[in-house]
Structures are given as structure tokens and as C-alpha cells.
N, C-alpha and C. Protein backbone atom coordinates (compact mmCIF):
# COMPACT_ATOMS: atom_id res chain seq x y z
N MET A 1 -31.54 33.01 148.12
CA MET A 1 -32.27 34.09 147.53
C MET A 1 -33.35 34.63 147.91
N LYS A 2 -33.24 35.41 147.84
CA LYS A 2 -34.92 36.40 148.20
C LYS A 2 -35.57 36.75 147.76
N SER A 3 -36.87 36.50 147.83
CA SER A 3 -38.22 36.04 147.16
C SER A 3 -38.52 37.52 146.41
N LEU A 4 -39.65 37.69 145.44
CA LEU A 4 -39.50 38.91 144.95
C LEU A 4 -40.83 39.59 145.86
N GLU A 5 -41.75 39.02 146.60
CA GLU A 5 -42.84 39.26 147.62
C GLU A 5 -41.24 40.03 149.36
N PHE A 6 -40.36 39.56 149.04
CA PHE A 6 -39.08 39.85 149.99
C PHE A 6 -39.06 41.17 149.46
N LYS A 7 -38.45 41.42 148.66
CA LYS A 7 -37.71 42.47 148.03
C LYS A 7 -38.94 43.35 147.52
N LEU A 8 -39.53 43.23 147.15
CA LEU A 8 -41.10 44.10 147.24
C LEU A 8 -41.42 44.74 148.55
N ARG A 9 -41.15 44.19 149.70
CA ARG A 9 -41.87 44.45 151.18
C ARG A 9 -40.41 45.04 151.50
N LEU A 10 -39.12 45.22 151.05
CA LEU A 10 -38.24 45.65 151.67
C LEU A 10 -37.99 47.16 151.03
N PHE A 11 -38.54 47.58 149.61
CA PHE A 11 -38.72 48.26 148.88
C PHE A 11 -39.62 49.37 149.38
N LEU A 12 -40.76 49.31 149.79
CA LEU A 12 -42.13 49.67 150.10
C LEU A 12 -41.75 50.23 151.92
N ASN A 13 -41.04 49.57 152.47
CA ASN A 13 -40.41 49.95 153.68
C ASN A 13 -39.92 51.35 153.41
N LYS A 14 -38.47 50.90 152.88
CA LYS A 14 -37.50 51.89 152.65
C LYS A 14 -38.39 53.18 151.89
N LEU A 15 -39.21 53.27 151.01
CA LEU A 15 -39.79 54.12 150.16
C LEU A 15 -40.91 55.26 151.66
N PHE A 16 -41.32 54.30 152.16
CA PHE A 16 -42.40 54.57 153.02
C PHE A 16 -40.97 55.82 154.00
N TRP A 17 -40.15 54.98 155.15
CA TRP A 17 -39.50 55.28 155.71
C TRP A 17 -38.55 57.13 155.01
N GLU A 18 -38.35 57.04 153.60
CA GLU A 18 -37.56 57.88 153.09
C GLU A 18 -38.58 58.87 152.76
N VAL A 19 -40.32 58.87 152.86
CA VAL A 19 -40.81 60.09 152.67
C VAL A 19 -41.42 60.28 153.90
N VAL A 20 -42.04 59.43 155.42
CA VAL A 20 -42.46 59.75 156.37
C VAL A 20 -41.31 60.70 157.36
N ARG A 21 -40.31 59.78 157.12
CA ARG A 21 -39.43 60.65 158.07
C ARG A 21 -39.00 61.73 158.37
N PRO A 22 -39.05 62.92 156.97
CA PRO A 22 -38.57 64.18 157.22
C PRO A 22 -40.02 64.93 157.39
N ILE A 23 -41.65 64.18 157.49
CA ILE A 23 -42.75 64.89 157.83
C ILE A 23 -43.00 64.43 159.14
N ARG A 24 -42.30 63.26 159.42
CA ARG A 24 -42.91 63.52 161.10
C ARG A 24 -42.46 64.45 162.43
N PRO A 25 -41.31 64.69 162.60
CA PRO A 25 -41.01 65.77 162.99
C PRO A 25 -42.15 67.03 163.40
N VAL A 26 -42.74 66.88 161.95
CA VAL A 26 -43.20 68.25 161.94
C VAL A 26 -44.70 68.03 162.33
N TYR A 27 -45.46 66.60 162.00
CA TYR A 27 -46.10 66.42 162.54
C TYR A 27 -46.25 66.07 164.58
N TRP A 28 -45.29 65.76 165.10
CA TRP A 28 -45.26 65.70 166.37
C TRP A 28 -44.81 67.33 166.74
N TRP A 29 -44.44 67.98 166.15
CA TRP A 29 -44.59 69.56 166.37
C TRP A 29 -46.08 70.10 167.16
N VAL A 30 -46.43 69.76 165.58
CA VAL A 30 -47.79 70.09 165.98
C VAL A 30 -48.86 69.61 166.87
N CYS A 31 -48.99 68.15 166.65
CA CYS A 31 -49.87 67.66 167.40
C CYS A 31 -49.52 66.71 168.51
N ARG A 32 -48.19 67.20 169.08
CA ARG A 32 -47.47 66.46 170.24
C ARG A 32 -48.27 65.40 171.23
N PRO A 33 -48.12 64.30 169.79
CA PRO A 33 -48.75 62.94 170.25
C PRO A 33 -48.20 62.24 171.60
N GLU A 34 -48.85 61.48 172.31
CA GLU A 34 -48.47 60.78 173.32
C GLU A 34 -48.44 59.53 173.00
N ARG A 35 -46.97 58.47 172.97
CA ARG A 35 -46.91 57.53 172.30
C ARG A 35 -46.86 56.55 173.64
N ARG A 36 -47.02 55.07 173.40
CA ARG A 36 -46.34 54.37 174.50
C ARG A 36 -45.76 53.38 173.81
N GLY A 37 -44.38 53.19 174.58
CA GLY A 37 -43.47 52.32 173.75
C GLY A 37 -42.69 51.40 174.70
N VAL A 38 -42.12 50.54 174.32
CA VAL A 38 -41.59 49.04 175.44
C VAL A 38 -39.79 48.85 174.73
N LYS A 39 -39.45 48.36 175.79
CA LYS A 39 -38.26 47.39 174.91
C LYS A 39 -38.04 46.31 176.51
N CYS A 40 -37.56 45.56 176.14
CA CYS A 40 -36.95 44.33 176.55
C CYS A 40 -35.90 43.98 176.60
N ILE A 41 -35.33 44.04 178.19
CA ILE A 41 -34.17 43.10 178.34
C ILE A 41 -33.88 41.58 178.69
N VAL A 42 -33.64 40.50 177.91
CA VAL A 42 -33.42 39.32 177.48
C VAL A 42 -31.76 39.05 178.17
N VAL A 43 -32.14 37.78 179.31
CA VAL A 43 -30.41 37.88 179.85
C VAL A 43 -30.50 36.02 179.74
N TYR A 44 -29.37 35.66 179.12
CA TYR A 44 -28.70 34.37 179.33
C TYR A 44 -27.54 34.29 179.36
N ALA A 45 -26.87 34.15 180.75
CA ALA A 45 -25.53 34.08 181.16
C ALA A 45 -24.62 34.93 180.92
N ASN A 46 -25.44 36.10 181.47
CA ASN A 46 -24.95 37.27 181.00
C ASN A 46 -24.77 38.04 179.68
N GLU A 47 -25.03 37.43 178.72
CA GLU A 47 -25.63 37.78 177.47
C GLU A 47 -26.65 38.36 177.06
N LEU A 48 -26.69 39.70 176.21
CA LEU A 48 -28.40 40.73 175.56
C LEU A 48 -28.03 40.03 174.58
N PRO A 49 -29.36 39.91 173.76
CA PRO A 49 -29.60 40.36 172.34
C PRO A 49 -30.05 41.52 172.24
N LEU A 50 -29.07 42.04 171.12
CA LEU A 50 -29.44 43.55 170.45
C LEU A 50 -30.20 43.49 169.56
N VAL A 51 -30.92 44.35 168.65
CA VAL A 51 -30.79 44.71 167.39
C VAL A 51 -30.56 45.79 166.54
N ARG A 52 -30.33 45.79 165.13
CA ARG A 52 -30.17 46.95 164.62
C ARG A 52 -31.21 46.94 163.39
N PRO A 53 -32.14 48.12 163.29
CA PRO A 53 -33.32 48.31 162.92
C PRO A 53 -32.41 48.88 161.37
N ASN A 54 -33.68 48.82 160.61
CA ASN A 54 -33.04 49.17 159.08
C ASN A 54 -33.41 50.86 158.97
N TYR A 55 -34.12 50.98 159.91
CA TYR A 55 -34.84 52.96 159.85
C TYR A 55 -34.01 53.54 160.78
N ALA A 56 -34.17 54.36 161.05
CA ALA A 56 -33.86 55.68 161.88
C ALA A 56 -32.66 55.70 162.26
N HIS A 57 -32.36 55.17 163.47
CA HIS A 57 -30.90 55.62 163.71
C HIS A 57 -30.13 54.57 163.14
N ARG A 58 -30.34 53.21 163.07
CA ARG A 58 -29.74 51.88 162.27
C ARG A 58 -28.57 51.48 163.07
N LEU A 59 -28.67 51.60 164.41
CA LEU A 59 -27.94 51.28 165.20
C LEU A 59 -28.34 50.10 166.66
N TRP A 60 -27.26 50.17 167.18
CA TRP A 60 -27.84 48.41 168.33
C TRP A 60 -28.97 48.98 169.19
N THR A 61 -29.46 48.26 169.32
CA THR A 61 -30.50 48.90 170.41
C THR A 61 -31.21 47.19 170.81
N PHE A 62 -31.79 47.37 172.14
CA PHE A 62 -32.80 46.53 172.52
C PHE A 62 -34.62 46.19 171.50
N PRO A 63 -34.46 44.99 171.72
CA PRO A 63 -36.39 45.06 170.90
C PRO A 63 -36.70 45.45 171.60
N GLY A 64 -37.96 46.41 171.11
CA GLY A 64 -39.08 46.87 171.60
C GLY A 64 -39.92 47.33 170.63
N GLY A 65 -40.61 48.48 170.91
CA GLY A 65 -41.29 48.94 169.67
C GLY A 65 -42.99 49.38 170.43
N GLY A 66 -43.63 50.17 169.94
CA GLY A 66 -45.02 50.49 169.95
C GLY A 66 -46.01 49.52 170.59
N VAL A 67 -46.83 50.31 171.84
CA VAL A 67 -47.77 49.47 172.27
C VAL A 67 -49.37 49.80 171.09
N LYS A 68 -49.46 48.86 170.92
CA LYS A 68 -50.82 49.06 169.93
C LYS A 68 -51.95 49.03 170.72
N ARG A 69 -53.15 49.72 170.04
CA ARG A 69 -54.40 49.47 171.14
C ARG A 69 -55.08 48.84 171.33
N ARG A 70 -55.50 48.74 172.59
CA ARG A 70 -55.74 47.81 173.37
C ARG A 70 -55.23 46.40 174.01
N GLU A 71 -53.92 46.73 173.82
CA GLU A 71 -52.58 45.92 173.66
C GLU A 71 -51.66 46.24 175.18
N SER A 72 -51.63 45.36 176.21
CA SER A 72 -51.19 45.35 177.37
C SER A 72 -49.49 45.82 176.99
N TRP A 73 -49.01 46.88 177.94
CA TRP A 73 -47.24 46.66 177.95
C TRP A 73 -47.30 45.40 177.74
N LYS A 74 -47.01 44.81 178.55
CA LYS A 74 -46.49 43.19 178.64
C LYS A 74 -46.34 42.36 177.39
N ASP A 75 -47.92 42.57 177.05
CA ASP A 75 -48.48 41.84 175.57
C ASP A 75 -47.22 42.88 174.46
N ALA A 76 -47.16 43.62 174.38
CA ALA A 76 -46.49 44.35 173.19
C ALA A 76 -44.67 44.23 173.56
N ALA A 77 -44.12 43.88 174.81
CA ALA A 77 -43.13 43.72 174.81
C ALA A 77 -43.00 42.20 174.29
N LEU A 78 -43.03 41.61 175.07
CA LEU A 78 -43.03 39.84 174.46
C LEU A 78 -43.69 39.62 172.82
N ARG A 79 -44.76 40.60 172.07
CA ARG A 79 -44.61 40.53 170.92
C ARG A 79 -43.30 41.15 170.11
N GLU A 80 -42.90 41.86 170.87
CA GLU A 80 -41.89 42.72 169.43
C GLU A 80 -40.87 42.12 169.66
N THR A 81 -40.44 41.66 171.14
CA THR A 81 -39.37 40.38 171.00
C THR A 81 -39.29 39.71 170.32
N GLU A 82 -40.57 38.89 170.23
CA GLU A 82 -40.30 37.74 169.25
C GLU A 82 -40.20 38.36 168.10
N GLU A 83 -41.26 39.05 167.42
CA GLU A 83 -40.85 39.67 166.44
C GLU A 83 -39.47 40.37 165.83
N GLU A 84 -38.83 40.80 166.77
CA GLU A 84 -37.71 41.76 166.00
C GLU A 84 -36.60 40.42 165.90
N THR A 85 -36.37 39.69 167.01
CA THR A 85 -35.52 38.63 167.35
C THR A 85 -36.09 37.21 167.47
N GLY A 86 -36.82 36.48 167.18
CA GLY A 86 -37.43 35.58 167.13
C GLY A 86 -37.02 34.84 168.32
N VAL A 87 -36.99 35.53 169.61
CA VAL A 87 -36.59 35.09 170.52
C VAL A 87 -37.91 34.64 171.57
N ARG A 88 -38.51 33.85 172.00
CA ARG A 88 -39.59 33.76 172.37
C ARG A 88 -39.47 34.46 174.44
N VAL A 89 -40.48 35.06 174.37
CA VAL A 89 -40.07 35.22 176.30
C VAL A 89 -41.94 35.32 176.54
N GLY A 90 -42.30 34.86 177.47
CA GLY A 90 -42.97 34.68 178.36
C GLY A 90 -43.16 35.13 179.77
N ASN A 91 -42.25 35.57 180.38
CA ASN A 91 -42.93 35.82 182.25
C ASN A 91 -41.68 36.87 182.04
N ALA A 92 -41.60 38.01 181.26
CA ALA A 92 -41.17 39.29 181.38
C ALA A 92 -41.40 40.24 182.37
N VAL A 93 -40.99 40.55 182.91
CA VAL A 93 -41.51 41.81 184.31
C VAL A 93 -40.90 42.87 183.71
N LYS A 94 -41.98 44.33 184.02
CA LYS A 94 -41.61 45.19 184.41
C LYS A 94 -40.58 45.70 185.07
N ILE A 95 -39.33 46.79 184.52
CA ILE A 95 -38.27 46.87 185.96
C ILE A 95 -38.31 48.03 185.96
N GLY A 96 -39.01 48.91 185.02
CA GLY A 96 -39.14 50.58 185.13
C GLY A 96 -39.37 51.13 183.92
N GLU A 97 -39.45 52.58 183.85
CA GLU A 97 -40.26 53.21 183.13
C GLU A 97 -38.99 54.55 182.69
N TYR A 98 -39.58 55.20 181.41
CA TYR A 98 -38.66 56.27 181.42
C TYR A 98 -39.69 57.34 180.18
N PHE A 99 -39.34 58.37 180.32
CA PHE A 99 -40.37 59.29 179.67
C PHE A 99 -39.18 60.27 178.81
N SER A 100 -39.58 60.11 177.11
CA SER A 100 -39.03 61.24 176.58
C SER A 100 -39.41 61.88 175.67
N THR A 101 -39.02 62.95 175.09
CA THR A 101 -39.77 64.07 174.15
C THR A 101 -38.97 63.94 172.91
N THR A 102 -38.48 62.95 172.27
CA THR A 102 -37.63 62.91 171.36
C THR A 102 -38.43 63.62 170.24
N GLN A 103 -37.93 64.65 169.12
CA GLN A 103 -38.52 65.36 168.46
C GLN A 103 -39.67 65.32 168.68
N TYR A 104 -40.22 66.07 169.56
CA TYR A 104 -41.68 66.89 170.33
C TYR A 104 -42.31 65.78 170.55
N ALA A 105 -42.50 64.69 169.68
CA ALA A 105 -43.11 63.26 170.55
C ALA A 105 -43.11 62.85 172.01
N ARG A 106 -44.63 63.03 172.77
CA ARG A 106 -44.28 62.66 174.42
C ARG A 106 -44.09 61.12 174.40
N ASN A 107 -43.49 60.30 174.55
CA ASN A 107 -42.77 58.91 174.49
C ASN A 107 -43.01 58.42 176.15
N THR A 108 -43.73 57.14 176.80
CA THR A 108 -43.46 56.79 177.29
C THR A 108 -43.55 55.36 177.30
N VAL A 109 -42.21 54.98 177.91
CA VAL A 109 -41.45 52.79 177.34
C VAL A 109 -41.27 52.89 178.79
N GLN A 110 -41.83 51.72 178.96
CA GLN A 110 -41.98 50.92 180.05
C GLN A 110 -40.58 49.79 179.64
N VAL A 111 -39.48 49.27 180.37
CA VAL A 111 -39.22 48.53 180.77
C VAL A 111 -39.49 47.14 180.83
N PHE A 112 -38.81 46.06 180.47
CA PHE A 112 -39.27 44.42 180.97
C PHE A 112 -37.89 44.02 180.52
N GLN A 113 -38.03 43.15 181.96
CA GLN A 113 -36.92 42.03 181.77
C GLN A 113 -37.36 40.13 182.07
N GLU A 114 -36.05 39.38 181.11
CA GLU A 114 -36.85 38.07 181.51
C GLU A 114 -35.31 37.41 181.46
N THR A 115 -35.20 36.86 182.46
CA THR A 115 -33.61 35.98 182.42
C THR A 115 -34.21 34.53 181.83
N LEU A 116 -33.74 33.69 180.69
CA LEU A 116 -34.00 32.47 180.03
C LEU A 116 -32.87 31.70 180.55
N ASP A 117 -33.38 29.90 180.67
CA ASP A 117 -32.75 29.06 180.93
C ASP A 117 -32.10 28.59 179.70
N SER A 118 -32.45 28.93 178.70
CA SER A 118 -31.95 28.12 177.43
C SER A 118 -31.71 29.05 176.47
N ARG A 119 -30.62 29.13 175.59
CA ARG A 119 -30.19 30.60 174.61
C ARG A 119 -30.98 29.94 173.55
N GLN A 120 -31.37 30.91 172.60
CA GLN A 120 -32.52 30.74 172.36
C GLN A 120 -31.76 31.59 170.61
N THR A 121 -31.49 31.35 169.52
CA THR A 121 -30.99 31.67 167.75
C THR A 121 -31.71 32.88 168.07
N PRO A 122 -30.85 33.85 167.59
CA PRO A 122 -31.87 35.20 167.30
C PRO A 122 -32.13 35.24 165.72
N ARG A 123 -32.66 35.84 164.93
CA ARG A 123 -33.27 36.20 163.47
C ARG A 123 -33.57 36.98 163.53
N SER A 124 -33.54 37.75 162.49
CA SER A 124 -33.83 38.99 162.12
C SER A 124 -34.83 39.19 160.56
N ASP A 125 -36.28 39.66 160.54
CA ASP A 125 -36.70 40.13 159.52
C ASP A 125 -36.09 40.04 157.78
N GLY A 126 -34.90 41.11 158.19
CA GLY A 126 -34.14 42.13 157.24
C GLY A 126 -34.79 42.66 156.61
N ILE A 127 -36.00 43.50 156.76
CA ILE A 127 -36.57 44.55 156.33
C ILE A 127 -36.71 45.47 157.39
N GLU A 128 -38.07 45.10 158.37
CA GLU A 128 -37.50 46.27 159.80
C GLU A 128 -36.06 45.73 160.61
N ILE A 129 -36.14 44.82 160.63
CA ILE A 129 -34.91 44.25 161.32
C ILE A 129 -33.32 44.02 160.27
N ALA A 130 -32.53 44.51 160.46
CA ALA A 130 -31.36 44.23 160.05
C ALA A 130 -30.53 43.42 160.53
N ASP A 131 -30.40 43.26 161.62
CA ASP A 131 -29.57 42.22 162.36
C ASP A 131 -29.76 42.07 164.00
N ALA A 132 -30.16 40.82 164.82
CA ALA A 132 -29.73 40.58 165.95
C ALA A 132 -28.87 39.79 166.19
N ALA A 133 -28.23 39.96 167.28
CA ALA A 133 -27.10 39.42 167.86
C ALA A 133 -27.15 38.78 169.24
N TRP A 134 -26.71 38.22 169.70
CA TRP A 134 -26.49 38.11 171.21
C TRP A 134 -24.94 39.00 171.58
N PHE A 135 -25.15 39.57 172.77
CA PHE A 135 -23.91 40.63 173.37
C PHE A 135 -23.66 40.09 174.47
N ALA A 136 -22.44 39.88 174.92
CA ALA A 136 -21.99 39.69 176.72
C ALA A 136 -22.02 41.43 176.90
N LEU A 137 -21.80 41.23 178.06
CA LEU A 137 -22.42 42.86 178.38
C LEU A 137 -21.05 43.18 178.68
N ASP A 138 -20.13 42.76 178.57
CA ASP A 138 -18.41 43.66 178.24
C ASP A 138 -18.20 43.69 177.05
N HIS A 139 -18.81 43.17 176.45
CA HIS A 139 -18.46 43.08 174.69
C HIS A 139 -19.74 43.54 173.76
N LEU A 140 -20.20 44.55 174.44
CA LEU A 140 -21.26 45.17 173.46
C LEU A 140 -20.62 46.36 172.20
N PRO A 141 -21.56 46.19 171.15
CA PRO A 141 -21.29 46.60 170.22
C PRO A 141 -20.97 48.11 170.63
N LYS A 142 -19.80 48.81 169.66
CA LYS A 142 -19.68 50.25 169.87
C LYS A 142 -20.48 51.18 168.97
N ASP A 143 -21.08 50.70 168.02
CA ASP A 143 -22.47 51.69 167.56
C ASP A 143 -23.95 51.19 168.01
N ARG A 144 -24.21 51.55 169.40
CA ARG A 144 -25.57 51.47 170.20
C ARG A 144 -26.02 52.94 170.49
N VAL A 145 -26.75 52.74 170.94
CA VAL A 145 -27.82 54.17 170.83
C VAL A 145 -27.20 54.16 173.03
N SER A 146 -27.34 55.59 172.91
CA SER A 146 -26.99 55.16 174.24
C SER A 146 -28.00 55.12 175.65
N ARG A 147 -29.35 55.19 174.93
CA ARG A 147 -30.40 54.52 175.74
C ARG A 147 -30.10 52.92 176.06
N VAL A 148 -29.50 52.43 175.31
CA VAL A 148 -28.62 50.56 176.08
C VAL A 148 -27.83 51.19 177.08
N ASP A 149 -26.97 51.73 177.47
CA ASP A 149 -25.93 51.83 178.79
C ASP A 149 -27.00 52.29 179.73
N GLU A 150 -27.41 53.47 179.70
CA GLU A 150 -28.46 53.68 180.70
C GLU A 150 -29.67 52.42 181.01
N THR A 151 -29.67 51.83 180.19
CA THR A 151 -31.27 50.89 180.29
C THR A 151 -30.07 49.85 181.36
N ILE A 152 -28.86 49.06 180.76
CA ILE A 152 -28.19 48.47 181.55
C ILE A 152 -27.41 49.00 182.98
N ALA A 153 -27.24 50.15 182.99
CA ALA A 153 -27.15 50.91 184.49
C ALA A 153 -28.74 50.42 185.13
N ALA A 154 -29.55 51.11 184.77
CA ALA A 154 -30.54 51.09 185.96
C ALA A 154 -31.29 49.47 185.65
N PHE A 155 -30.30 48.58 184.91
CA PHE A 155 -31.32 47.13 185.13
C PHE A 155 -30.00 46.69 186.20
N MET A 156 -28.77 47.01 185.80
CA MET A 156 -27.96 46.18 186.90
C MET A 156 -28.20 46.37 188.44
N ASN A 157 -29.10 47.52 188.64
CA ASN A 157 -29.38 47.57 190.21
C ASN A 157 -30.58 47.31 190.36
N GLN A 158 -31.19 46.27 189.75
CA GLN A 158 -32.40 45.41 189.91
C GLN A 158 -32.02 44.30 191.09
N PRO A 159 -32.73 43.88 191.20
CA PRO A 159 -32.53 42.45 192.30
C PRO A 159 -32.33 41.53 191.56
N PRO A 160 -31.35 40.37 191.62
CA PRO A 160 -31.48 39.43 190.54
C PRO A 160 -32.41 38.18 190.39
N ARG A 161 -33.06 37.95 189.34
CA ARG A 161 -34.04 37.54 189.15
C ARG A 161 -33.60 35.89 188.47
N PRO A 162 -34.60 35.10 188.84
CA PRO A 162 -34.40 33.72 188.62
C PRO A 162 -35.05 33.08 187.11
N ALA A 163 -33.88 32.20 186.53
CA ALA A 163 -34.54 31.95 185.20
C ALA A 163 -35.64 30.88 185.32
N GLY A 164 -36.54 31.27 183.95
CA GLY A 164 -37.84 30.45 184.29
C GLY A 164 -38.56 30.85 183.12
């Protein structure tokens, strides 16, 4: 049974997104903020962990998120991966970057990758992330964001990295 604290946090999170979601694009259109984000591709034996958030698109995607003030891109990738999946990474390497203007915000996203030598069980917090799971490259979920396929295509062109 979920604790009262969990239920309260979940309620406040859902309330926040119901209030903020319609306002956010207007703010972005007026202010045109420059945002920094990260995604992290973790690989183990031809499998990748993906997450399904409880907000926004609610589709499977790579773990990732915003880079905090005074935080390095790599530190953000390591932190977001662990927060969203429970999978610990430490040697992630930048393999690319992309730019998007989703809903008028200017987003620069750096993509990191790490190959693990042992599989860690993913977990989700149930508040920000609804599900976290490993998927074989040839059996990805159908309900995923298109950026997953674009990122994998770019990642597959990278030279193999040793486990570590």
C-alpha cells in the first residue's frame, strides 16, 4: 500500500502539470528560453533501459532531463539516469548533440552513452516516471517517442565502446 506521503506527492505532481502544461508554451513563445538537457543511452547485451514519464507525452523514451545551474552536462546525464531508472552509470561519454525548438523553447540536448558489464534492475518512482524497463534493440515498445529511433540510428553509427 502506498504511503500518504507518496499519494500527496503524486497528487501535487499531477496538479502542477495540469496547471502548468497549458501556460508553458505561452511563456516559451514570449521569452524564448534557452534550455539545456541530456539523454543517456545505457547498453547491456543489446538491451536499453527506457522510461515512460507520468507527464507530457507519456511515451517510452531514454532517461534524461534538464541540466541544473552550475551542473555539468555529464553530471546531469548521470544524475537523471539514476533518478529515473535506478541504474547507476559513471563512465558515460558524450556521443552527440541535437537542437530542437519544441513549443518555442530553444533546447540543446547532449546525448551520452555507457555500456554496462552487468545488468541492473530498473525501477521507477511512480511519480515522475511511471515505468522503467529494459528493451532489446529489436523489440522496442511501439508507443515510444520518435527521437528514440533517431537517437539509436545516430548511436549505431558510433564505434563500439568497451564495457566498463
